[in-house]
Amino acid sequence: MTSIWKWESGNLQIKKSLLDGLQITETAKEVISVVGAGGKTTTIRRLTDEMEKRQKNVAVTTTTRMKKEPHFLLGADAERITQRWGQTHQVWFGEQDDNPEKVRGVSEALLDEVRKYGPDLFLIEADGARRLPCKVPESWEPVIYQKSTRVLAVYGLDAVGKSFREACFRPGLAAEILEKKITDPISAVDIARLALESRGGKKNVKETMRYQVILNKADTTRRRQFAQEICRELEKRGFADVTVTAEGRQEEE
């Protein structure tokens, strides 16, 4: 079943993979920071799996905190991390957090070292959202690695129609930016506006970094319609680098 689309020529065009949808080549040695909410880890996992199928080496870590996966390499130096590529194509690494279910971010110096070893793809989760589908960053967020070549801003389409208080991490900030109340429902236009905001999705993104938006959880006809609305609104505002993804079995509503 189709689960990836790219917004092209005013329509959602089917793509065979997320790498294809994001126009990531296997040889570009991209360093990608992933921010936002509603599917960051899912996006990272999907990209690592696609690269592994191509027998390409991937490094995954965080600059903040992320859920601990069973295969995380904790407290390792760059040499130990890169040695893992002899056993597996994807290496997830970080520091043990006080919360045993979480992994804490590593130093910029370690990021620099791992990057020098040249993984085929380096993915960094640079934001937290407490599993909510929408996010507006606080003053200290997101923690984007300065040598990133791209930033992917993820939004969950299940946020549309719910209130900011219900579906948005830091709802007060979102309401302030959009001049709304936290009890107001989130619209497709709201997601588009937040995605292009320098205080929202584009916060801390440098001009040297390619900025892309991912609209995740397009698992129903209605959500795919929301995705099209968001894409059209973004295009009106001069931005069209959007990929739409579904997480599981697609349902009709």
C-alpha atoms as a PDB file:
ATOM      1  CA  MET A   1       0.000   0.000   0.000  1.00  0.00           C
ATOM      2  CA  THR A   2       1.302   3.478  -0.845  1.00  0.00           C
ATOM      3  CA  SER A   3       2.669   5.294   2.191  1.00  0.00           C
ATOM      4  CA  ILE A   4       4.976   8.032   0.819  1.00  0.00           C
ATOM      5  CA  TRP A   5       4.132  11.013  -1.346  1.00  0.00           C
ATOM      6  CA  LYS A   6       6.003  14.125  -2.466  1.00  0.00           C
ATOM      7  CA  TRP A   7       4.226  17.408  -3.192  1.00  0.00           C
ATOM      8  CA  GLU A   8       5.049  18.097  -6.838  1.00  0.00           C
ATOM      9  CA  SER A   9       3.262  20.128  -9.536  1.00  0.00           C
ATOM     10  CA  GLY A  10       0.345  20.888  -7.218  1.00  0.00           C
ATOM     11  CA  ASN A  11      -0.353  17.248  -6.275  1.00  0.00           C
ATOM     12  CA  LEU A  12       0.833  14.449  -4.022  1.00  0.00           C
ATOM     13  CA  GLN A  13       2.977  12.167  -6.174  1.00  0.00           C
ATOM     14  CA  ILE A  14       3.627   8.568  -5.098  1.00  0.00           C
ATOM     15  CA  LYS A  15       7.235   7.731  -4.191  1.00  0.00           C
ATOM     16  CA  LYS A  16       8.824   4.325  -3.754  1.00  0.00           C
ATOM     17  CA  SER A  17      10.772   5.183  -0.591  1.00  0.00           C
ATOM     18  CA  LEU A  18      11.286   7.936   1.968  1.00  0.00           C
ATOM     19  CA  LEU A  19      14.809   8.447   0.637  1.00  0.00           C
ATOM     20  CA  ASP A  20      13.255   9.054  -2.765  1.00  0.00           C
ATOM     21  CA  GLY A  21      10.566  11.348  -1.340  1.00  0.00           C
ATOM     22  CA  LEU A  22      13.179  13.465   0.443  1.00  0.00           C
ATOM     23  CA  GLN A  23      15.564  13.338  -2.532  1.00  0.00           C
ATOM     24  CA  ILE A  24      18.377  11.885  -0.424  1.00  0.00           C
ATOM     25  CA  THR A  25      21.008  10.081  -2.467  1.00  0.00           C
ATOM     26  CA  GLU A  26      22.944   7.143  -1.030  1.00  0.00           C
ATOM     27  CA  THR A  27      26.329   8.786  -1.622  1.00  0.00           C
ATOM     28  CA  ALA A  28      25.752  12.366  -0.418  1.00  0.00           C
ATOM     29  CA  LYS A  29      26.954  11.771   3.205  1.00  0.00           C
ATOM     30  CA  GLU A  30      24.081  13.878   4.544  1.00  0.00           C
ATOM     31  CA  VAL A  31      23.925  15.012   8.178  1.00  0.00           C
ATOM     32  CA  ILE A  32      20.252  15.468   9.050  1.00  0.00           C
ATOM     33  CA  SER A  33      18.696  16.976  12.178  1.00  0.00           C
ATOM     34  CA  VAL A  34      15.072  15.962  12.779  1.00  0.00           C
ATOM     35  CA  VAL A  35      12.815  18.363  14.717  1.00  0.00           C
ATOM     36  CA  GLY A  36       9.131  18.833  15.476  1.00  0.00           C
ATOM     37  CA  ALA A  37       6.590  16.249  16.607  1.00  0.00           C
ATOM     38  CA  GLY A  38       4.368  13.415  15.526  1.00  0.00           C
ATOM     39  CA  GLY A  39       6.891  10.962  14.116  1.00  0.00           C
ATOM     40  CA  LYS A  40      10.560  11.990  14.454  1.00  0.00           C
ATOM     41  CA  THR A  41      11.788   8.593  15.635  1.00  0.00           C
ATOM     42  CA  THR A  42       9.534   6.803  13.130  1.00  0.00           C
ATOM     43  CA  THR A  43      11.050   8.922  10.348  1.00  0.00           C
ATOM     44  CA  ILE A  44      14.578   8.161  11.547  1.00  0.00           C
ATOM     45  CA  ARG A  45      13.861   4.445  11.818  1.00  0.00           C
ATOM     46  CA  ARG A  46      12.407   4.360   8.330  1.00  0.00           C
ATOM     47  CA  LEU A  47      15.427   6.091   6.816  1.00  0.00           C
ATOM     48  CA  THR A  48      17.887   3.812   8.625  1.00  0.00           C
ATOM     49  CA  ASP A  49      16.023   0.703   7.458  1.00  0.00           C
ATOM     50  CA  GLU A  50      15.966   1.911   3.853  1.00  0.00           C
ATOM     51  CA  MET A  51      19.702   2.639   3.954  1.00  0.00           C
ATOM     52  CA  GLU A  52      20.438  -0.727   5.571  1.00  0.00           C
ATOM     53  CA  LYS A  53      18.635  -2.492   2.714  1.00  0.00           C
ATOM     54  CA  ARG A  54      21.071  -0.700   0.399  1.00  0.00           C
ATOM     55  CA  GLN A  55      23.972  -1.877   2.631  1.00  0.00           C
ATOM     56  CA  LYS A  56      24.850   1.698   3.589  1.00  0.00           C
ATOM     57  CA  ASN A  57      26.204   2.751   6.995  1.00  0.00           C
ATOM     58  CA  VAL A  58      24.019   4.965   9.194  1.00  0.00           C
ATOM     59  CA  ALA A  59      24.722   6.690  12.520  1.00  0.00           C
ATOM     60  CA  VAL A  60      21.809   7.748  14.749  1.00  0.00           C
ATOM     61  CA  THR A  61      21.930   9.859  17.910  1.00  0.00           C
ATOM     62  CA  THR A  62      20.275  12.786  19.693  1.00  0.00           C
ATOM     63  CA  THR A  63      21.292  16.233  20.920  1.00  0.00           C
ATOM     64  CA  THR A  64      18.470  16.232  23.504  1.00  0.00           C
ATOM     65  CA  ARG A  65      16.758  13.053  24.745  1.00  0.00           C
ATOM     66  CA  MET A  66      15.043  10.221  22.939  1.00  0.00           C
ATOM     67  CA  LYS A  67      13.421   6.896  23.753  1.00  0.00           C
ATOM     68  CA  LYS A  68      15.963   4.187  24.458  1.00  0.00           C
ATOM     69  CA  GLU A  69      16.063   1.484  21.790  1.00  0.00           C
ATOM     70  CA  PRO A  70      17.398  -2.004  22.701  1.00  0.00           C
ATOM     71  CA  HIS A  71      20.355  -1.644  20.322  1.00  0.00           C
ATOM     72  CA  PHE A  72      21.672   1.707  21.638  1.00  0.00           C
ATOM     73  CA  LEU A  73      25.429   1.899  22.228  1.00  0.00           C
ATOM     74  CA  LEU A  74      25.857   3.939  25.427  1.00  0.00           C
ATOM     75  CA  GLY A  75      28.874   5.939  26.580  1.00  0.00           C
ATOM     76  CA  ALA A  76      30.999   4.966  23.595  1.00  0.00           C
ATOM     77  CA  ASP A  77      33.773   6.895  21.872  1.00  0.00           C
ATOM     78  CA  ALA A  78      33.887   7.473  18.112  1.00  0.00           C
ATOM     79  CA  GLU A  79      36.167   4.501  17.463  1.00  0.00           C
ATOM     80  CA  ARG A  80      33.856   2.049  19.225  1.00  0.00           C
ATOM     81  CA  ILE A  81      30.855   3.518  17.446  1.00  0.00           C
ATOM     82  CA  THR A  82      32.385   3.198  13.995  1.00  0.00           C
ATOM     83  CA  GLN A  83      33.694  -0.329  14.704  1.00  0.00           C
ATOM     84  CA  ARG A  84      30.046  -1.401  14.967  1.00  0.00           C
ATOM     85  CA  TRP A  85      29.671  -0.829  11.233  1.00  0.00           C
ATOM     86  CA  GLY A  86      31.662  -4.023  10.789  1.00  0.00           C
ATOM     87  CA  GLN A  87      28.748  -5.899  12.416  1.00  0.00           C
ATOM     88  CA  THR A  88      25.689  -3.870  11.397  1.00  0.00           C
ATOM     89  CA  HIS A  89      24.886  -1.048   8.994  1.00  0.00           C
ATOM     90  CA  GLN A  90      23.062   1.086  11.582  1.00  0.00           C
ATOM     91  CA  VAL A  91      24.598   2.286  14.844  1.00  0.00           C
ATOM     92  CA  TRP A  92      22.453   4.109  17.424  1.00  0.00           C
ATOM     93  CA  PHE A  93      24.424   5.793  20.194  1.00  0.00           C
ATOM     94  CA  GLY A  94      24.035   8.206  23.114  1.00  0.00           C
ATOM     95  CA  GLU A  95      24.535   8.668  26.845  1.00  0.00           C
ATOM     96  CA  GLN A  96      22.475   7.019  29.581  1.00  0.00           C
ATOM     97  CA  ASP A  97      19.880   9.423  30.975  1.00  0.00           C
ATOM     98  CA  ASP A  98      18.648   9.560  34.583  1.00  0.00           C
ATOM     99  CA  ASN A  99      15.431   8.107  33.201  1.00  0.00           C
ATOM    100  CA  PRO A 100      16.282   4.470  32.313  1.00  0.00           C
ATOM    101  CA  GLU A 101      13.854   4.566  29.378  1.00  0.00           C
ATOM    102  CA  LYS A 102      15.627   7.541  27.776  1.00  0.00           C
ATOM    103  CA  VAL A 103      18.961   8.264  26.106  1.00  0.00           C
ATOM    104  CA  ARG A 104      20.665  11.629  26.534  1.00  0.00           C
ATOM    105  CA  GLY A 105      22.441  13.630  23.852  1.00  0.00           C
ATOM    106  CA  VAL A 106      26.161  13.469  23.196  1.00  0.00           C
ATOM    107  CA  SER A 107      28.698  16.304  22.964  1.00  0.00           C
ATOM    108  CA  GLU A 108      29.267  18.302  19.797  1.00  0.00           C
ATOM    109  CA  ALA A 109      32.878  17.085  19.869  1.00  0.00           C
ATOM    110  CA  LEU A 110      31.685  13.469  19.572  1.00  0.00           C
ATOM    111  CA  LEU A 111      29.293  14.429  16.769  1.00  0.00           C
ATOM    112  CA  ASP A 112      32.240  15.996  14.953  1.00  0.00           C
ATOM    113  CA  GLU A 113      34.354  12.862  15.409  1.00  0.00           C
ATOM    114  CA  VAL A 114      31.669  10.465  14.173  1.00  0.00           C
ATOM    115  CA  ARG A 115      30.950  12.728  11.208  1.00  0.00           C
ATOM    116  CA  LYS A 116      34.640  12.588  10.189  1.00  0.00           C
ATOM    117  CA  TYR A 117      34.356   8.804   9.879  1.00  0.00           C
ATOM    118  CA  GLY A 118      31.891   9.497   7.047  1.00  0.00           C
ATOM    119  CA  PRO A 119      28.684   7.524   7.644  1.00  0.00           C
ATOM    120  CA  ASP A 120      26.565   7.331   4.492  1.00  0.00           C
ATOM    121  CA  LEU A 121      23.796   8.988   6.510  1.00  0.00           C
ATOM    122  CA  PHE A 122      24.000  10.681   9.924  1.00  0.00           C
ATOM    123  CA  LEU A 123      20.617  11.221  11.627  1.00  0.00           C
ATOM    124  CA  ILE A 124      20.182  13.338  14.749  1.00  0.00           C
ATOM    125  CA  GLU A 125      16.971  13.726  16.748  1.00  0.00           C
ATOM    126  CA  ALA A 126      17.192  17.368  17.838  1.00  0.00           C
ATOM    127  CA  ASP A 127      13.876  17.997  19.572  1.00  0.00           C
ATOM    128  CA  GLY A 128      11.441  16.475  22.075  1.00  0.00           C
ATOM    129  CA  ALA A 129       7.647  16.640  22.029  1.00  0.00           C
ATOM    130  CA  ARG A 130       6.356  14.152  24.622  1.00  0.00           C
ATOM    131  CA  ARG A 131       4.679  12.103  21.891  1.00  0.00           C
ATOM    132  CA  LEU A 132       2.332  14.919  20.862  1.00  0.00           C
ATOM    133  CA  PRO A 133       1.710  15.586  17.135  1.00  0.00           C
ATOM    134  CA  CYS A 134       2.481  19.324  17.116  1.00  0.00           C
ATOM    135  CA  LYS A 135       5.337  21.310  18.641  1.00  0.00           C
ATOM    136  CA  VAL A 136       6.547  24.889  19.052  1.00  0.00           C
ATOM    137  CA  PRO A 137      10.054  25.147  20.526  1.00  0.00           C
ATOM    138  CA  GLU A 138      11.001  26.983  23.698  1.00  0.00           C
ATOM    139  CA  SER A 139      13.909  29.445  23.775  1.00  0.00           C
ATOM    140  CA  TRP A 140      16.547  26.690  24.232  1.00  0.00           C
ATOM    141  CA  GLU A 141      15.096  24.413  21.536  1.00  0.00           C
ATOM    142  CA  PRO A 142      15.707  22.757  19.121  1.00  0.00           C
ATOM    143  CA  VAL A 143      19.341  21.739  19.526  1.00  0.00           C
ATOM    144  CA  ILE A 144      20.360  21.541  15.873  1.00  0.00           C
ATOM    145  CA  TYR A 145      23.870  20.291  15.130  1.00  0.00           C
ATOM    146  CA  GLN A 146      25.574  23.188  13.357  1.00  0.00           C
ATOM    147  CA  LYS A 147      27.130  20.998  10.662  1.00  0.00           C
ATOM    148  CA  SER A 148      23.766  19.580   9.591  1.00  0.00           C
ATOM    149  CA  THR A 149      23.167  19.638   5.843  1.00  0.00           C
ATOM    150  CA  ARG A 150      19.386  19.359   6.263  1.00  0.00           C
ATOM    151  CA  VAL A 151      16.650  19.864   8.820  1.00  0.00           C
ATOM    152  CA  LEU A 152      13.457  17.796   8.654  1.00  0.00           C
ATOM    153  CA  ALA A 153      10.488  19.330  10.509  1.00  0.00           C
ATOM    154  CA  VAL A 154       7.878  16.680  11.309  1.00  0.00           C
ATOM    155  CA  TYR A 155       4.184  17.294  12.033  1.00  0.00           C
ATOM    156  CA  GLY A 156       1.530  14.684  12.844  1.00  0.00           C
ATOM    157  CA  LEU A 157      -1.619  15.134  10.762  1.00  0.00           C
ATOM    158  CA  ASP A 158      -3.682  13.835  13.705  1.00  0.00           C
ATOM    159  CA  ALA A 159      -3.173  17.283  15.279  1.00  0.00           C
ATOM    160  CA  VAL A 160      -5.603  18.888  12.815  1.00  0.00           C
ATOM    161  CA  GLY A 161      -9.040  19.387  14.389  1.00  0.00           C
ATOM    162  CA  LYS A 162      -7.812  18.962  17.967  1.00  0.00           C
ATOM    163  CA  SER A 163      -7.224  21.921  20.271  1.00  0.00           C
ATOM    164  CA  PHE A 164      -3.766  23.372  20.828  1.00  0.00           C
ATOM    165  CA  ARG A 165      -4.036  22.385  24.489  1.00  0.00           C
ATOM    166  CA  GLU A 166      -4.829  18.804  23.538  1.00  0.00           C
ATOM    167  CA  ALA A 167      -2.382  18.198  20.672  1.00  0.00           C
ATOM    168  CA  CYS A 168       0.450  20.743  20.805  1.00  0.00           C
ATOM    169  CA  PHE A 169       3.554  20.645  22.981  1.00  0.00           C
ATOM    170  CA  ARG A 170       3.943  24.215  24.349  1.00  0.00           C
ATOM    171  CA  PRO A 171       0.410  25.221  23.305  1.00  0.00           C
ATOM    172  CA  GLY A 172       0.742  28.718  24.779  1.00  0.00           C
ATOM    173  CA  LEU A 173       3.622  29.542  22.434  1.00  0.00           C
ATOM    174  CA  ALA A 174       1.718  28.182  19.420  1.00  0.00           C
ATOM    175  CA  ALA A 175      -1.360  30.216  20.338  1.00  0.00           C
ATOM    176  CA  GLU A 176       0.768  33.338  20.803  1.00  0.00           C
ATOM    177  CA  ILE A 177       2.425  32.978  17.366  1.00  0.00           C
ATOM    178  CA  LEU A 178      -0.918  32.362  15.626  1.00  0.00           C
ATOM    179  CA  GLU A 179      -2.895  34.855  17.747  1.00  0.00           C
ATOM    180  CA  LYS A 180      -5.306  32.176  18.888  1.00  0.00           C
ATOM    181  CA  LYS A 181      -6.479  30.587  22.138  1.00  0.00           C
ATOM    182  CA  ILE A 182      -5.167  27.248  23.393  1.00  0.00           C
ATOM    183  CA  THR A 183      -8.755  25.958  23.286  1.00  0.00           C
ATOM    184  CA  ASP A 184      -9.073  26.732  19.539  1.00  0.00           C
ATOM    185  CA  PRO A 185      -8.882  23.809  17.071  1.00  0.00           C
ATOM    186  CA  ILE A 186      -5.696  23.427  15.032  1.00  0.00           C
ATOM    187  CA  SER A 187      -6.313  23.970  11.304  1.00  0.00           C
ATOM    188  CA  ALA A 188      -4.323  22.953   8.235  1.00  0.00           C
ATOM    189  CA  VAL A 189      -3.400  26.623   7.753  1.00  0.00           C
ATOM    190  CA  ASP A 190      -2.083  26.737  11.348  1.00  0.00           C
ATOM    191  CA  ILE A 191       0.288  23.823  10.638  1.00  0.00           C
ATOM    192  CA  ALA A 192       1.520  25.551   7.467  1.00  0.00           C
ATOM    193  CA  ARG A 193       2.124  28.809   9.327  1.00  0.00           C
ATOM    194  CA  LEU A 194       3.994  27.086  12.168  1.00  0.00           C
ATOM    195  CA  ALA A 195       6.138  25.148   9.686  1.00  0.00           C
ATOM    196  CA  LEU A 196       7.407  28.369   8.101  1.00  0.00           C
ATOM    197  CA  GLU A 197       7.784  30.349  11.332  1.00  0.00           C
ATOM    198  CA  SER A 198      11.269  31.358  12.497  1.00  0.00           C
ATOM    199  CA  ARG A 199       9.915  30.740  16.027  1.00  0.00           C
ATOM    200  CA  GLY A 200       8.361  27.433  14.905  1.00  0.00           C
ATOM    201  CA  GLY A 201       9.599  24.742  12.528  1.00  0.00           C
ATOM    202  CA  LYS A 202      12.381  26.893  11.044  1.00  0.00           C
ATOM    203  CA  LYS A 203      13.847  27.901  14.399  1.00  0.00           C
ATOM    204  CA  ASN A 204      17.665  27.665  14.438  1.00  0.00           C
ATOM    205  CA  VAL A 205      17.781  26.506  10.812  1.00  0.00           C
ATOM    206  CA  LYS A 206      20.751  28.080   9.006  1.00  0.00           C
ATOM    207  CA  GLU A 207      20.608  29.206   5.375  1.00  0.00           C
ATOM    208  CA  THR A 208      23.184  26.535   4.511  1.00  0.00           C
ATOM    209  CA  MET A 209      20.776  23.777   5.615  1.00  0.00           C
ATOM    210  CA  ARG A 210      18.052  22.424   3.324  1.00  0.00           C
ATOM    211  CA  TYR A 211      14.768  22.745   5.196  1.00  0.00           C
ATOM    212  CA  GLN A 212      12.070  20.142   4.509  1.00  0.00           C
ATOM    213  CA  VAL A 213       8.654  19.448   6.024  1.00  0.00           C
ATOM    214  CA  ILE A 214       7.282  15.961   6.695  1.00  0.00           C
ATOM    215  CA  LEU A 215       3.545  15.546   7.281  1.00  0.00           C
ATOM    216  CA  ASN A 216       3.211  12.191   9.027  1.00  0.00           C
ATOM    217  CA  LYS A 217       0.298   9.895   9.919  1.00  0.00           C
ATOM    218  CA  ALA A 218      -1.531  10.296   6.591  1.00  0.00           C
ATOM    219  CA  ASP A 219      -3.245   6.979   7.308  1.00  0.00           C
ATOM    220  CA  THR A 220      -6.805   8.024   6.400  1.00  0.00           C
ATOM    221  CA  THR A 221      -8.434   9.731   3.440  1.00  0.00           C
ATOM    222  CA  ARG A 222      -9.311  12.686   5.654  1.00  0.00           C
ATOM    223  CA  ARG A 223      -5.748  13.154   6.858  1.00  0.00           C
ATOM    224  CA  ARG A 224      -4.443  12.977   3.293  1.00  0.00           C
ATOM    225  CA  GLN A 225      -6.907  15.759   2.473  1.00  0.00           C
ATOM    226  CA  PHE A 226      -5.472  17.768   5.393  1.00  0.00           C
ATOM    227  CA  ALA A 227      -1.987  17.125   3.978  1.00  0.00           C
ATOM    228  CA  GLN A 228      -3.060  18.518   0.607  1.00  0.00           C
ATOM    229  CA  GLU A 229      -4.529  21.614   2.294  1.00  0.00           C
ATOM    230  CA  ILE A 230      -1.270  22.194   4.180  1.00  0.00           C
ATOM    231  CA  CYS A 231       0.803  21.684   1.028  1.00  0.00           C
ATOM    232  CA  ARG A 232      -1.344  24.139  -0.929  1.00  0.00           C
ATOM    233  CA  GLU A 233      -1.052  26.727   1.844  1.00  0.00           C
ATOM    234  CA  LEU A 234       2.719  26.264   2.039  1.00  0.00           C
ATOM    235  CA  GLU A 235       3.015  26.621  -1.727  1.00  0.00           C
ATOM    236  CA  LYS A 236       1.001  29.874  -1.573  1.00  0.00           C
ATOM    237  CA  ARG A 237       3.636  31.086   0.858  1.00  0.00           C
ATOM    238  CA  GLY A 238       6.469  30.133  -1.497  1.00  0.00           C
ATOM    239  CA  PHE A 239       7.477  26.763  -0.013  1.00  0.00           C
ATOM    240  CA  ALA A 240       6.926  23.351  -1.615  1.00  0.00           C
ATOM    241  CA  ASP A 241       9.555  20.965  -0.186  1.00  0.00           C
ATOM    242  CA  VAL A 242       7.039  18.674   1.539  1.00  0.00           C
ATOM    243  CA  THR A 243       6.908  14.903   1.925  1.00  0.00           C
ATOM    244  CA  VAL A 244       3.807  13.105   3.249  1.00  0.00           C
ATOM    245  CA  THR A 245       4.062   9.756   5.023  1.00  0.00           C
ATOM    246  CA  ALA A 246       1.691   7.172   6.476  1.00  0.00           C
ATOM    247  CA  GLU A 247       2.701   5.023   9.437  1.00  0.00           C
ATOM    248  CA  GLY A 248       0.630   1.864   9.041  1.00  0.00           C
ATOM    249  CA  ARG A 249      -2.372   0.317   7.362  1.00  0.00           C
ATOM    250  CA  GLN A 250      -4.334   3.028   5.601  1.00  0.00           C
ATOM    251  CA  GLU A 251      -7.989   3.393   6.398  1.00  0.00           C
ATOM    252  CA  GLU A 252     -10.819   5.022   4.508  1.00  0.00           C
ATOM    253  CA  GLU A 253     -13.125   7.396   6.369  1.00  0.00           C
END
